[in-house]
Amino acid sequence: MLRVREVEITTACPECRGDHLVRDYSRAEIVCEDCGLVLDDMIIDEGPEWRAFDSEQRESRERAGPPSTIMAHDKGLSTSIGWRNKDAYGRQIPHKSRAQIYRLRKWQHRIRTSKSGERSLAQGLTEINTMASKMGLPRHVRESAAVLYRRASTKNLVRGRSIDEVVAATLYASCRQCGVPRTLDEIASKSSVDRKSIGRTYRTLVRELGLRLLPQSPRDYIARFCNRLDLDMDVQRKAKEILDKVEKDELASGVAPSGVAAATIYIAAILSAKPCTQKEVAEVAGVTEVTIRNRYKRISVAIGMVK
C-alpha cells in the first residue's frame, strides 16, 4: 500500500525557536543554523533536474517559464515580451525593428495593469517584496503577506489608505502568523509610515479579515536577539530558564514581550559571565534602557537574584 508522507511547513526551530533554517537539498535536510538541529531529512527538491553553471547554460536548458506565484498581481500566468531583443530562435532583432518592439513592450506592460485595482495590487505586492528583503524575511512570510494584501484589496480596505501603510500592516500580521515575530518599531524603521499608523491599520485588518493570531511571547524573540548580540547558546538556555520562572509568576502579562525578552537576556548574560550593556540590548530589542531597568528589577527579585 502506498504511504503518503504528510508535509508540514516548518517556520521555526522547535528547539531554540530560531528562524534561520537552511534547506540542504544535497542531503535532503532542513537544518537550524543556530543550534544545528536537523528538522527534516526527507525534503524534496522541486527544482529542475538539470544543472547550469552560468546564465547562458540556464537560458539554453530552460524548457518552460517560471511557476505561478502569489507574489505577482496576475500570479505569474501572463506572458511578457523579453528585454533581450532576440526572437524565438535566439537571433538578434534588426535595429530598424527595435523601436517597434519597444513600443509593443511598453503597451503590453500597460495592458497588464490597465485597471486601477490591478495597478494598486501590483504596486503593493512589489512593495511587500522590497520591504521584506530589507528586513531579511523568508519567502513563506512574503507569500503570507501577499495573501493578506490580496484579501484586503478585495474587501476595499486599501482604498483611503496609503499602500505603504497596508503593506507594513500585512507584513506585521504575516510575521505573527508564521511565528517569525517582528516588533512594530522594526517594521516602522523599514517603512515610510509611522508606528501608530501601522498599528491602527493592523487592528483594522485583524477585525475586517477575521484574523486569529496568538499573543506574542518573549520566548519568540530570545534566539534572534541573542544572535544579534553575538551571545552563545549558554546565554540562550539561561534566558529561557529565567523566562520559565517569569511566565510562571505571570510577570510578562500586560507588558511588551520584546521588553521582557530584552531584560531576560540582559540578566542571563550577567549570570553567564558574558555581560553586555543595557544600551546594546536596548538597541537590538528596539526598547529604551528605562524599560530594561524596570523589567530587570522585577525579574531579578522573582528569581532571587536580588532581595
Protein backbone atom coordinates (compact mmCIF):
# COMPACT_ATOMS: atom_id res chain seq x y z
CA MET A 1 0.00 0.00 0.00
CA LEU A 2 1.36 3.42 -0.98
CA ARG A 3 2.02 5.61 2.05
CA VAL A 4 1.75 9.34 1.51
CA ARG A 5 4.02 11.35 3.77
CA GLU A 6 2.32 14.33 5.39
CA VAL A 7 4.11 17.57 4.54
CA GLU A 8 4.43 20.22 7.24
CA ILE A 9 5.75 23.72 6.57
CA THR A 10 8.36 24.48 9.23
CA THR A 11 8.85 28.13 10.11
CA ALA A 12 10.91 28.00 13.31
CA CYS A 13 13.21 25.58 15.11
CA PRO A 14 11.31 23.72 17.87
CA GLU A 15 14.49 23.51 19.96
CA CYS A 16 15.80 27.10 20.05
CA ARG A 17 12.89 28.92 18.30
CA GLY A 18 15.35 30.40 15.80
CA ASP A 19 14.14 31.19 12.27
CA HIS A 20 17.45 30.66 10.41
CA LEU A 21 16.54 27.37 8.69
CA VAL A 22 18.77 26.08 5.88
CA ARG A 23 17.49 23.69 3.19
CA ASP A 24 20.33 21.36 2.14
CA TYR A 25 18.95 19.64 -0.98
CA SER A 26 22.13 17.57 -1.45
CA ARG A 27 21.35 15.82 1.86
CA ALA A 28 17.56 16.32 1.69
CA GLU A 29 17.68 18.01 5.11
CA ILE A 30 16.35 21.12 6.83
CA VAL A 31 18.90 22.25 9.42
CA CYS A 32 18.68 25.01 12.04
CA GLU A 33 21.64 27.33 11.52
CA ASP A 34 21.53 28.45 15.16
CA CYS A 35 21.65 25.16 17.11
CA GLY A 36 22.34 22.55 14.39
CA LEU A 37 19.12 20.56 14.88
CA VAL A 38 18.02 18.53 11.83
CA LEU A 39 14.30 19.26 11.49
CA ASP A 40 13.66 17.06 8.43
CA ASP A 41 15.73 14.54 6.47
CA MET A 42 13.33 13.76 3.60
CA ILE A 43 12.71 17.05 1.78
CA ILE A 44 12.11 17.04 -1.97
CA ASP A 45 13.98 19.28 -4.41
CA GLU A 46 11.27 20.81 -6.61
CA GLY A 47 13.78 22.50 -8.95
CA PRO A 48 14.82 21.35 -12.43
CA GLU A 49 16.66 18.05 -12.87
CA TRP A 50 19.44 19.74 -14.87
CA ARG A 51 22.29 21.89 -13.61
CA ALA A 52 23.62 25.13 -15.07
CA PHE A 53 26.90 26.85 -14.23
CA ASP A 54 26.24 30.21 -15.88
CA SER A 55 23.34 32.29 -17.18
CA GLU A 56 23.91 31.18 -20.79
CA GLN A 57 23.59 27.49 -19.87
CA ARG A 58 20.49 28.23 -17.80
CA GLU A 59 18.79 30.01 -20.71
CA SER A 60 19.59 27.21 -23.17
CA ARG A 61 18.30 24.46 -20.87
CA GLU A 62 15.08 26.07 -19.71
CA ARG A 63 12.03 24.41 -21.23
CA ALA A 64 9.30 26.42 -19.53
CA GLY A 65 8.71 29.71 -17.78
CA PRO A 66 8.69 30.23 -14.02
CA PRO A 67 5.94 28.63 -11.91
CA SER A 68 2.89 30.60 -10.84
CA THR A 69 3.50 32.80 -7.83
CA ILE A 70 1.24 34.61 -5.40
CA MET A 71 3.76 37.47 -5.37
CA ALA A 72 2.74 38.67 -8.86
CA HIS A 73 -0.54 40.56 -9.29
CA ASP A 74 -1.55 38.15 -12.12
CA LYS A 75 0.01 35.18 -10.27
CA GLY A 76 2.66 34.90 -12.99
CA LEU A 77 0.22 33.46 -15.54
CA SER A 78 0.60 36.20 -18.16
CA THR A 79 3.38 36.40 -20.74
CA SER A 80 5.71 39.30 -21.42
CA ILE A 81 7.92 40.50 -24.26
CA GLY A 82 11.54 39.86 -23.28
CA TRP A 83 14.04 42.70 -22.98
CA ARG A 84 16.94 40.86 -24.68
CA ASN A 85 15.88 41.93 -28.23
CA LYS A 86 16.03 38.37 -29.58
CA ASP A 87 13.41 36.38 -31.48
CA ALA A 88 12.12 32.86 -30.68
CA TYR A 89 15.17 31.31 -32.39
CA GLY A 90 17.69 33.37 -30.43
CA ARG A 91 18.55 35.67 -33.34
CA GLN A 92 19.09 39.39 -32.77
CA ILE A 93 16.17 41.61 -33.78
CA PRO A 94 17.19 44.09 -36.52
CA HIS A 95 17.86 47.64 -35.33
CA LYS A 96 15.09 49.08 -37.52
CA SER A 97 12.51 46.87 -35.72
CA ARG A 98 13.66 47.56 -32.16
CA ALA A 99 11.68 50.81 -31.81
CA GLN A 100 8.51 48.92 -32.69
CA ILE A 101 9.33 46.13 -30.20
CA TYR A 102 9.99 48.77 -27.52
CA ARG A 103 6.53 50.30 -28.10
CA LEU A 104 4.89 46.85 -28.02
CA ARG A 105 6.69 46.04 -24.77
CA LYS A 106 5.53 49.32 -23.19
CA TRP A 107 1.91 48.85 -24.27
CA GLN A 108 1.86 45.26 -23.07
CA HIS A 109 3.08 46.42 -19.66
CA ARG A 110 0.26 48.98 -19.56
CA ILE A 111 -2.36 46.42 -20.59
CA ARG A 112 -1.30 44.01 -17.82
CA THR A 113 -2.21 46.67 -15.23
CA SER A 114 -4.92 48.57 -17.12
CA LYS A 115 -7.32 48.87 -14.16
CA SER A 116 -6.62 50.96 -11.06
CA GLY A 117 -7.19 47.96 -8.77
CA GLU A 118 -4.61 45.92 -10.69
CA ARG A 119 -2.09 48.76 -10.55
CA SER A 120 -2.63 49.14 -6.80
CA LEU A 121 -2.26 45.38 -6.27
CA ALA A 122 0.89 45.21 -8.40
CA GLN A 123 2.43 48.15 -6.54
CA GLY A 124 1.51 46.69 -3.15
CA LEU A 125 2.97 43.25 -3.91
CA THR A 126 6.16 44.84 -5.23
CA GLU A 127 6.46 46.91 -2.06
CA ILE A 128 5.92 43.79 0.10
CA ASN A 129 8.82 42.06 -1.66
CA THR A 130 11.05 45.14 -1.33
CA MET A 131 10.31 45.71 2.35
CA ALA A 132 10.62 42.01 3.22
CA SER A 133 14.03 41.94 1.50
CA LYS A 134 15.19 44.88 3.62
CA MET A 135 14.13 43.01 6.76
CA GLY A 136 15.56 39.65 5.65
CA LEU A 137 12.20 37.89 5.95
CA PRO A 138 11.89 34.37 4.45
CA ARG A 139 9.81 33.54 1.40
CA HIS A 140 6.85 31.99 3.23
CA VAL A 141 6.36 35.22 5.23
CA ARG A 142 6.29 37.25 2.00
CA GLU A 143 3.75 34.91 0.43
CA SER A 144 1.56 35.03 3.54
CA ALA A 145 1.68 38.85 3.45
CA ALA A 146 0.76 38.77 -0.25
CA VAL A 147 -2.32 36.65 0.51
CA LEU A 148 -3.39 39.08 3.25
CA TYR A 149 -2.86 42.06 0.93
CA ARG A 150 -4.99 40.43 -1.77
CA ARG A 151 -7.78 39.83 0.76
CA ALA A 152 -7.54 43.42 1.97
CA SER A 153 -7.67 44.66 -1.62
CA THR A 154 -10.73 42.51 -2.37
CA LYS A 155 -12.55 43.99 0.65
CA ASN A 156 -11.58 47.55 -0.40
CA LEU A 157 -9.51 48.05 2.77
CA VAL A 158 -6.69 49.62 0.74
CA ARG A 159 -8.94 52.42 -0.51
CA GLY A 160 -8.48 55.58 1.56
CA ARG A 161 -5.15 54.39 2.98
CA SER A 162 -1.63 54.62 1.65
CA ILE A 163 -0.25 51.45 0.06
CA ASP A 164 2.83 51.62 2.31
CA GLU A 165 0.56 51.65 5.37
CA VAL A 166 -1.32 48.50 4.33
CA VAL A 167 1.90 46.76 3.23
CA ALA A 168 3.54 47.36 6.61
CA ALA A 169 0.44 46.14 8.46
CA THR A 170 0.17 42.96 6.37
CA LEU A 171 3.85 42.18 6.90
CA TYR A 172 3.46 42.64 10.66
CA ALA A 173 0.42 40.32 10.68
CA SER A 174 2.21 37.80 8.46
CA CYS A 175 5.23 37.71 10.77
CA ARG A 176 2.94 36.88 13.68
CA GLN A 177 1.06 34.25 11.65
CA CYS A 178 4.26 32.49 10.59
CA GLY A 179 5.94 32.53 14.01
CA VAL A 180 8.65 34.97 12.89
CA PRO A 181 7.75 37.92 15.12
CA ARG A 182 8.96 41.44 14.43
CA THR A 183 8.14 44.45 16.57
CA LEU A 184 6.13 47.39 15.26
CA ASP A 185 9.25 49.53 15.68
CA GLU A 186 11.23 47.17 13.43
CA ILE A 187 8.51 47.30 10.79
CA ALA A 188 8.26 51.10 11.03
CA SER A 189 12.04 51.52 10.70
CA LYS A 190 11.88 49.98 7.19
CA SER A 191 8.71 51.79 6.16
CA SER A 192 7.79 55.38 5.35
CA VAL A 193 4.83 55.09 7.75
CA ASP A 194 4.96 55.73 11.50
CA ARG A 195 4.37 53.08 14.16
CA LYS A 196 0.96 54.45 15.20
CA SER A 197 -0.49 54.29 11.68
CA ILE A 198 0.80 50.74 11.16
CA GLY A 199 -0.77 49.61 14.44
CA ARG A 200 -4.10 51.22 13.57
CA THR A 201 -4.21 49.60 10.12
CA TYR A 202 -3.13 46.25 11.59
CA ARG A 203 -6.07 46.30 14.02
CA THR A 204 -8.41 47.09 11.11
CA LEU A 205 -7.07 44.10 9.14
CA VAL A 206 -7.47 41.77 12.11
CA ARG A 207 -11.07 42.90 12.61
CA GLU A 208 -12.20 43.01 8.97
CA LEU A 209 -10.39 39.86 7.78
CA GLY A 210 -11.22 37.85 10.90
CA LEU A 211 -7.59 37.01 11.65
CA ARG A 212 -6.95 34.84 14.70
CA LEU A 213 -3.45 35.50 15.94
CA LEU A 214 -1.94 34.08 19.11
CA PRO A 215 -0.44 36.54 21.61
CA GLN A 216 3.28 37.12 21.16
CA SER A 217 5.63 35.52 23.66
CA PRO A 218 9.01 36.85 24.86
CA ARG A 219 10.36 33.39 24.02
CA ASP A 220 9.91 34.11 20.30
CA TYR A 221 12.46 36.94 20.46
CA ILE A 222 15.24 35.38 22.54
CA ALA A 223 17.10 33.45 19.81
CA ARG A 224 17.10 36.39 17.37
CA PHE A 225 18.15 38.98 19.95
CA CYS A 226 20.95 36.71 21.25
CA ASN A 227 22.23 36.14 17.71
CA ARG A 228 22.35 39.88 17.03
CA LEU A 229 24.23 40.40 20.31
CA ASP A 230 26.67 37.54 19.47
CA LEU A 231 25.69 35.65 22.63
CA ASP A 232 26.15 31.87 22.63
CA MET A 233 23.72 29.03 23.34
CA ASP A 234 24.57 29.03 27.07
CA VAL A 235 23.09 32.51 27.40
CA GLN A 236 20.05 31.50 25.34
CA ARG A 237 19.40 28.47 27.55
CA LYS A 238 19.82 30.56 30.70
CA ALA A 239 17.45 33.20 29.34
CA LYS A 240 14.80 30.56 28.63
CA GLU A 241 15.18 29.14 32.15
CA ILE A 242 14.65 32.62 33.61
CA LEU A 243 11.69 33.14 31.30
CA ASP A 244 10.06 29.94 32.60
CA LYS A 245 10.07 31.49 36.08
CA VAL A 246 8.84 34.83 34.72
CA GLU A 247 5.90 33.22 32.89
CA LYS A 248 5.06 31.05 35.91
CA ASP A 249 4.80 34.15 38.11
CA GLU A 250 2.88 35.97 35.33
CA LEU A 251 5.38 38.83 35.28
CA ALA A 252 5.13 39.04 31.48
CA SER A 253 1.39 39.72 31.45
CA GLY A 254 0.30 43.10 30.16
CA VAL A 255 3.76 44.27 29.04
CA ALA A 256 5.54 44.27 25.68
CA PRO A 257 7.14 40.83 25.05
CA SER A 258 10.21 42.41 23.42
CA GLY A 259 10.98 44.34 26.64
CA VAL A 260 10.66 41.19 28.78
CA ALA A 261 12.89 39.26 26.37
CA ALA A 262 15.49 42.05 26.44
CA ALA A 263 15.60 42.15 30.26
CA THR A 264 15.76 38.34 30.45
CA ILE A 265 18.71 38.25 28.05
CA TYR A 266 20.46 41.05 29.98
CA ILE A 267 20.14 39.07 33.24
CA ALA A 268 21.16 35.78 31.59
CA ALA A 269 24.28 37.41 30.14
CA ILE A 270 25.28 38.70 33.60
CA LEU A 271 24.72 35.30 35.24
CA SER A 272 26.70 33.59 32.45
CA ALA A 273 29.67 35.95 32.95
CA LYS A 274 29.21 37.30 29.43
CA PRO A 275 27.68 40.67 30.24
CA CYS A 276 26.53 43.24 27.71
CA THR A 277 25.40 46.78 28.35
CA GLN A 278 21.78 47.87 28.69
CA LYS A 279 22.32 50.20 25.75
CA GLU A 280 23.42 47.33 23.46
CA VAL A 281 20.42 45.18 24.43
CA ALA A 282 18.02 48.12 24.10
CA GLU A 283 19.22 48.93 20.56
CA VAL A 284 18.80 45.32 19.42
CA ALA A 285 15.37 44.90 21.04
CA GLY A 286 14.06 48.29 19.96
CA VAL A 287 13.17 49.35 23.52
CA THR A 288 14.51 52.00 25.89
CA GLU A 289 17.09 51.45 28.62
CA VAL A 290 14.46 52.54 31.16
CA THR A 291 12.24 49.64 30.05
CA ILE A 292 15.08 47.17 30.57
CA ARG A 293 15.85 48.60 34.03
CA ASN A 294 12.20 48.38 35.10
CA ARG A 295 11.83 44.78 33.89
CA TYR A 296 15.23 43.91 35.38
CA LYS A 297 14.12 44.99 38.87
CA ARG A 298 11.00 42.82 38.85
CA ILE A 299 12.61 39.77 37.26
CA SER A 300 15.76 39.83 39.43
CA VAL A 301 13.59 39.78 42.57
CA ALA A 302 11.44 36.94 41.20
CA ILE A 303 14.43 34.68 40.50
CA GLY A 304 16.13 35.50 43.81
CA MET A 305 18.98 37.40 42.21
CA VAL A 306 18.20 40.47 44.34
CA LYS A 307 16.32 40.54 47.63
